Amino acid sequence: MSNDDRRLVYSSDGSLPLPSYRAQGKAQPKRASVPDDGVLRVGCERRRNGQVTLVFGLAPAELELVAAELKRLCGTGGTAKDGVVALQGDKRDAVLAYLAKAGRRAKRMGG
């Protein structure tokens, strides 16, 4: 192997700048934002494991509390993250009834 065929792989003297890496992979598509008008939106989406009820528009301080109460009321699993409460199954009617009883303004999203 001649000196022309060799490439420097590692140097500890600091004379070579480190390569810059760009984030690789697919960019996540952005979700359509929900208006911030004080009205909660309750919708249902079909995902690979079935239907999921989504509640948008809750304040971050009340997100965990409302999620726990809705999971107990509906008798189902779910999560609260990224400002959205997600419940397993189509529970829109029960969620809308709970929010109306609690005095919250809520709208049904989708069809």
Protein backbone atom coordinates (compact mmCIF):
# COMPACT_ATOMS: atom_id res chain seq x y z
CA MET A 1 0.00 0.00 0.00
CA SER A 2 1.47 3.33 -0.99
CA ASN A 3 1.18 6.55 0.99
CA ASP A 4 -1.32 7.88 -1.58
CA ASP A 5 -3.79 5.08 -0.73
CA ARG A 6 -3.80 5.74 2.99
CA ARG A 7 -6.40 7.91 4.65
CA LEU A 8 -6.13 9.33 8.12
CA VAL A 9 -8.71 7.64 10.31
CA TYR A 10 -7.89 9.06 13.71
CA SER A 11 -5.77 11.87 15.00
CA SER A 12 -5.39 13.02 18.59
CA ASP A 13 -3.52 16.23 17.85
CA GLY A 14 -6.74 18.20 17.18
CA SER A 15 -5.66 19.47 13.78
CA LEU A 16 -8.59 17.89 11.93
CA PRO A 17 -12.09 19.27 12.37
CA LEU A 18 -14.76 16.82 13.44
CA PRO A 19 -17.28 15.90 10.75
CA SER A 20 -20.71 17.42 11.09
CA TYR A 21 -23.57 14.99 10.98
CA ARG A 22 -27.05 15.83 9.85
CA ALA A 23 -30.01 14.12 11.40
CA GLN A 24 -30.78 11.11 9.30
CA GLY A 25 -34.13 9.47 8.87
CA LYS A 26 -37.55 10.59 7.82
CA ALA A 27 -38.94 13.85 9.07
CA GLN A 28 -42.07 13.43 11.17
CA PRO A 29 -45.13 14.92 9.48
CA LYS A 30 -46.55 17.81 11.46
CA ARG A 31 -49.99 17.37 12.86
CA ALA A 32 -52.58 20.00 12.06
CA SER A 33 -52.70 22.30 15.03
CA VAL A 34 -55.88 22.66 17.06
CA PRO A 35 -57.14 26.22 17.58
CA ASP A 36 -56.40 27.68 21.00
CA ASP A 37 -59.87 29.08 21.66
CA GLY A 38 -60.60 27.45 25.01
CA VAL A 39 -62.82 24.76 23.49
CA LEU A 40 -61.76 21.15 24.00
CA ARG A 41 -61.79 18.94 20.90
CA VAL A 42 -62.72 15.25 21.19
CA GLY A 43 -62.04 13.04 18.19
CA CYS A 44 -61.43 9.46 17.21
CA GLU A 45 -58.65 8.05 15.03
CA ARG A 46 -58.07 4.65 13.59
CA ARG A 47 -54.63 3.29 14.39
CA ARG A 48 -52.99 -0.05 13.75
CA ASN A 49 -54.33 -1.57 16.99
CA GLY A 50 -57.86 -0.18 16.71
CA GLN A 51 -59.57 3.07 17.48
CA VAL A 52 -58.22 5.75 19.80
CA THR A 53 -60.19 8.63 21.33
CA LEU A 54 -58.18 11.86 21.46
CA VAL A 55 -58.84 14.93 23.62
CA PHE A 56 -57.09 18.15 22.55
CA GLY A 57 -56.93 21.56 24.21
CA LEU A 58 -56.29 20.73 27.87
CA ALA A 59 -53.91 22.87 29.88
CA PRO A 60 -50.63 21.14 30.79
CA ALA A 61 -51.40 21.47 34.51
CA GLU A 62 -54.66 19.52 34.23
CA LEU A 63 -53.61 16.99 31.59
CA GLU A 64 -52.62 14.13 33.92
CA LEU A 65 -55.58 14.63 36.27
CA VAL A 66 -58.18 14.64 33.49
CA ALA A 67 -56.50 11.68 31.78
CA ALA A 68 -56.65 9.61 34.97
CA GLU A 69 -60.29 10.52 35.54
CA LEU A 70 -61.28 9.69 31.95
CA LYS A 71 -59.45 6.34 32.04
CA ARG A 72 -61.29 5.45 35.25
CA LEU A 73 -64.65 6.64 33.94
CA CYS A 74 -64.34 4.80 30.61
CA GLY A 75 -62.73 1.70 32.10
CA THR A 76 -59.98 1.67 29.53
CA GLY A 77 -56.29 2.31 29.15
CA GLY A 78 -54.75 5.44 27.79
CA THR A 79 -52.01 8.01 28.03
CA ALA A 80 -51.44 11.73 28.33
CA LYS A 81 -48.51 13.18 26.44
CA ASP A 82 -47.70 16.06 24.12
CA GLY A 83 -50.80 17.93 25.29
CA VAL A 84 -53.18 15.18 24.15
CA VAL A 85 -55.14 12.59 26.12
CA ALA A 86 -55.43 9.31 24.19
CA LEU A 87 -57.90 6.64 25.31
CA GLN A 88 -58.20 3.15 23.87
CA GLY A 89 -61.43 2.61 21.92
CA ASP A 90 -64.16 4.93 20.67
CA LYS A 91 -65.21 6.67 23.90
CA ARG A 92 -66.25 10.05 22.43
CA ASP A 93 -69.78 10.00 23.86
CA ALA A 94 -68.61 9.22 27.39
CA VAL A 95 -65.84 11.83 27.23
CA LEU A 96 -68.19 14.53 25.91
CA ALA A 97 -70.74 13.70 28.65
CA TYR A 98 -68.01 13.94 31.34
CA LEU A 99 -66.75 17.27 30.03
CA ALA A 100 -70.28 18.70 29.80
CA LYS A 101 -70.99 17.60 33.38
CA ALA A 102 -67.73 19.25 34.47
CA GLY A 103 -68.87 22.51 32.84
CA ARG A 104 -66.25 22.47 30.08
CA ARG A 105 -66.93 23.52 26.50
CA ALA A 106 -66.16 20.63 24.17
CA LYS A 107 -66.75 19.85 20.51
CA ARG A 108 -66.75 16.61 18.61
CA MET A 109 -64.06 16.43 15.91
CA GLY A 110 -64.45 14.52 12.69
CA GLY A 111 -67.43 12.53 11.52
